[in-house]
Amino acid sequence: MLQNPRHQEGQGLVEYALILVLVAVVVIVILALLGPAIGNIFSNIINSLNPTATQMAAPTPTPSS
């Protein structure tokens, strides 16, 4: 039985779409798990480059006498 070539082309597109969805789900899961750690790394880099910015943003309280 002969198959319609358009059907085969559509099947290939569906396979590519499923692979793309799978890759997107994997990337989202990885970012959800590693997101806070990556944010902390960037915060540490920014703080090491400009340590006075953190002191200005969160001033240390002075003890009352």
C-alpha atoms as a PDB file:
ATOM      1  CA  MET A   1       0.000   0.000   0.000  1.00  0.00           C
ATOM      2  CA  LEU A   2       1.402   3.417  -0.963  1.00  0.00           C
ATOM      3  CA  GLN A   3       1.549   6.113   1.673  1.00  0.00           C
ATOM      4  CA  ASN A   4       0.863   9.747   1.040  1.00  0.00           C
ATOM      5  CA  PRO A   5       4.171  11.726   1.075  1.00  0.00           C
ATOM      6  CA  ARG A   6       2.450  14.604   2.883  1.00  0.00           C
ATOM      7  CA  HIS A   7       1.547  12.227   5.707  1.00  0.00           C
ATOM      8  CA  GLN A   8       5.196  11.264   6.108  1.00  0.00           C
ATOM      9  CA  GLU A   9       6.258  14.906   6.098  1.00  0.00           C
ATOM     10  CA  GLY A  10       3.713  15.689   8.800  1.00  0.00           C
ATOM     11  CA  GLN A  11       4.953  12.760  10.846  1.00  0.00           C
ATOM     12  CA  GLY A  12       8.506  14.131  10.693  1.00  0.00           C
ATOM     13  CA  LEU A  13       7.326  17.535  11.855  1.00  0.00           C
ATOM     14  CA  VAL A  14       5.481  15.967  14.779  1.00  0.00           C
ATOM     15  CA  GLU A  15       8.620  14.048  15.760  1.00  0.00           C
ATOM     16  CA  TYR A  16      10.697  17.236  15.697  1.00  0.00           C
ATOM     17  CA  ALA A  17       8.056  19.021  17.765  1.00  0.00           C
ATOM     18  CA  LEU A  18       8.070  16.227  20.365  1.00  0.00           C
ATOM     19  CA  ILE A  19      11.872  16.364  20.596  1.00  0.00           C
ATOM     20  CA  LEU A  20      11.717  20.158  20.998  1.00  0.00           C
ATOM     21  CA  VAL A  21       9.113  19.851  23.767  1.00  0.00           C
ATOM     22  CA  LEU A  22      11.221  17.222  25.536  1.00  0.00           C
ATOM     23  CA  VAL A  23      14.320  19.432  25.402  1.00  0.00           C
ATOM     24  CA  ALA A  24      12.315  22.416  26.684  1.00  0.00           C
ATOM     25  CA  VAL A  25      10.964  20.393  29.621  1.00  0.00           C
ATOM     26  CA  VAL A  26      14.466  19.182  30.521  1.00  0.00           C
ATOM     27  CA  VAL A  27      15.842  22.750  30.398  1.00  0.00           C
ATOM     28  CA  ILE A  28      12.990  24.050  32.569  1.00  0.00           C
ATOM     29  CA  VAL A  29      13.552  21.313  35.165  1.00  0.00           C
ATOM     30  CA  ILE A  30      17.295  21.976  35.260  1.00  0.00           C
ATOM     31  CA  LEU A  31      16.760  25.730  35.640  1.00  0.00           C
ATOM     32  CA  ALA A  32      14.162  25.175  38.366  1.00  0.00           C
ATOM     33  CA  LEU A  33      16.584  22.998  40.316  1.00  0.00           C
ATOM     34  CA  LEU A  34      19.740  25.037  39.746  1.00  0.00           C
ATOM     35  CA  GLY A  35      18.214  28.523  39.502  1.00  0.00           C
ATOM     36  CA  PRO A  36      18.793  29.593  43.103  1.00  0.00           C
ATOM     37  CA  ALA A  37      22.360  28.277  43.070  1.00  0.00           C
ATOM     38  CA  ILE A  38      23.121  30.138  39.853  1.00  0.00           C
ATOM     39  CA  GLY A  39      21.577  33.300  41.331  1.00  0.00           C
ATOM     40  CA  ASN A  40      23.794  32.993  44.399  1.00  0.00           C
ATOM     41  CA  ILE A  41      26.878  32.602  42.229  1.00  0.00           C
ATOM     42  CA  PHE A  42      26.064  35.774  40.302  1.00  0.00           C
ATOM     43  CA  SER A  43      25.313  37.620  43.554  1.00  0.00           C
ATOM     44  CA  ASN A  44      28.675  36.574  44.967  1.00  0.00           C
ATOM     45  CA  ILE A  45      30.435  37.744  41.805  1.00  0.00           C
ATOM     46  CA  ILE A  46      28.673  41.117  41.921  1.00  0.00           C
ATOM     47  CA  ASN A  47      29.430  41.536  45.622  1.00  0.00           C
ATOM     48  CA  SER A  48      33.095  40.708  45.106  1.00  0.00           C
ATOM     49  CA  LEU A  49      33.363  43.236  42.261  1.00  0.00           C
ATOM     50  CA  ASN A  50      31.660  46.040  44.185  1.00  0.00           C
ATOM     51  CA  PRO A  51      31.632  45.370  47.942  1.00  0.00           C
ATOM     52  CA  THR A  52      30.475  48.898  48.821  1.00  0.00           C
ATOM     53  CA  ALA A  53      27.146  48.379  47.042  1.00  0.00           C
ATOM     54  CA  THR A  54      26.059  45.792  49.592  1.00  0.00           C
ATOM     55  CA  GLN A  55      27.086  48.027  52.479  1.00  0.00           C
ATOM     56  CA  MET A  56      25.049  50.897  51.061  1.00  0.00           C
ATOM     57  CA  ALA A  57      22.053  48.691  50.339  1.00  0.00           C
ATOM     58  CA  ALA A  58      21.957  47.100  53.808  1.00  0.00           C
ATOM     59  CA  PRO A  59      23.586  49.364  56.398  1.00  0.00           C
ATOM     60  CA  THR A  60      24.694  47.749  59.608  1.00  0.00           C
ATOM     61  CA  PRO A  61      22.727  48.788  62.664  1.00  0.00           C
ATOM     62  CA  THR A  62      24.560  50.842  65.287  1.00  0.00           C
ATOM     63  CA  PRO A  63      24.364  49.649  68.870  1.00  0.00           C
ATOM     64  CA  SER A  64      22.424  51.934  71.155  1.00  0.00           C
ATOM     65  CA  SER A  65      24.101  53.147  74.369  1.00  0.00           C
END
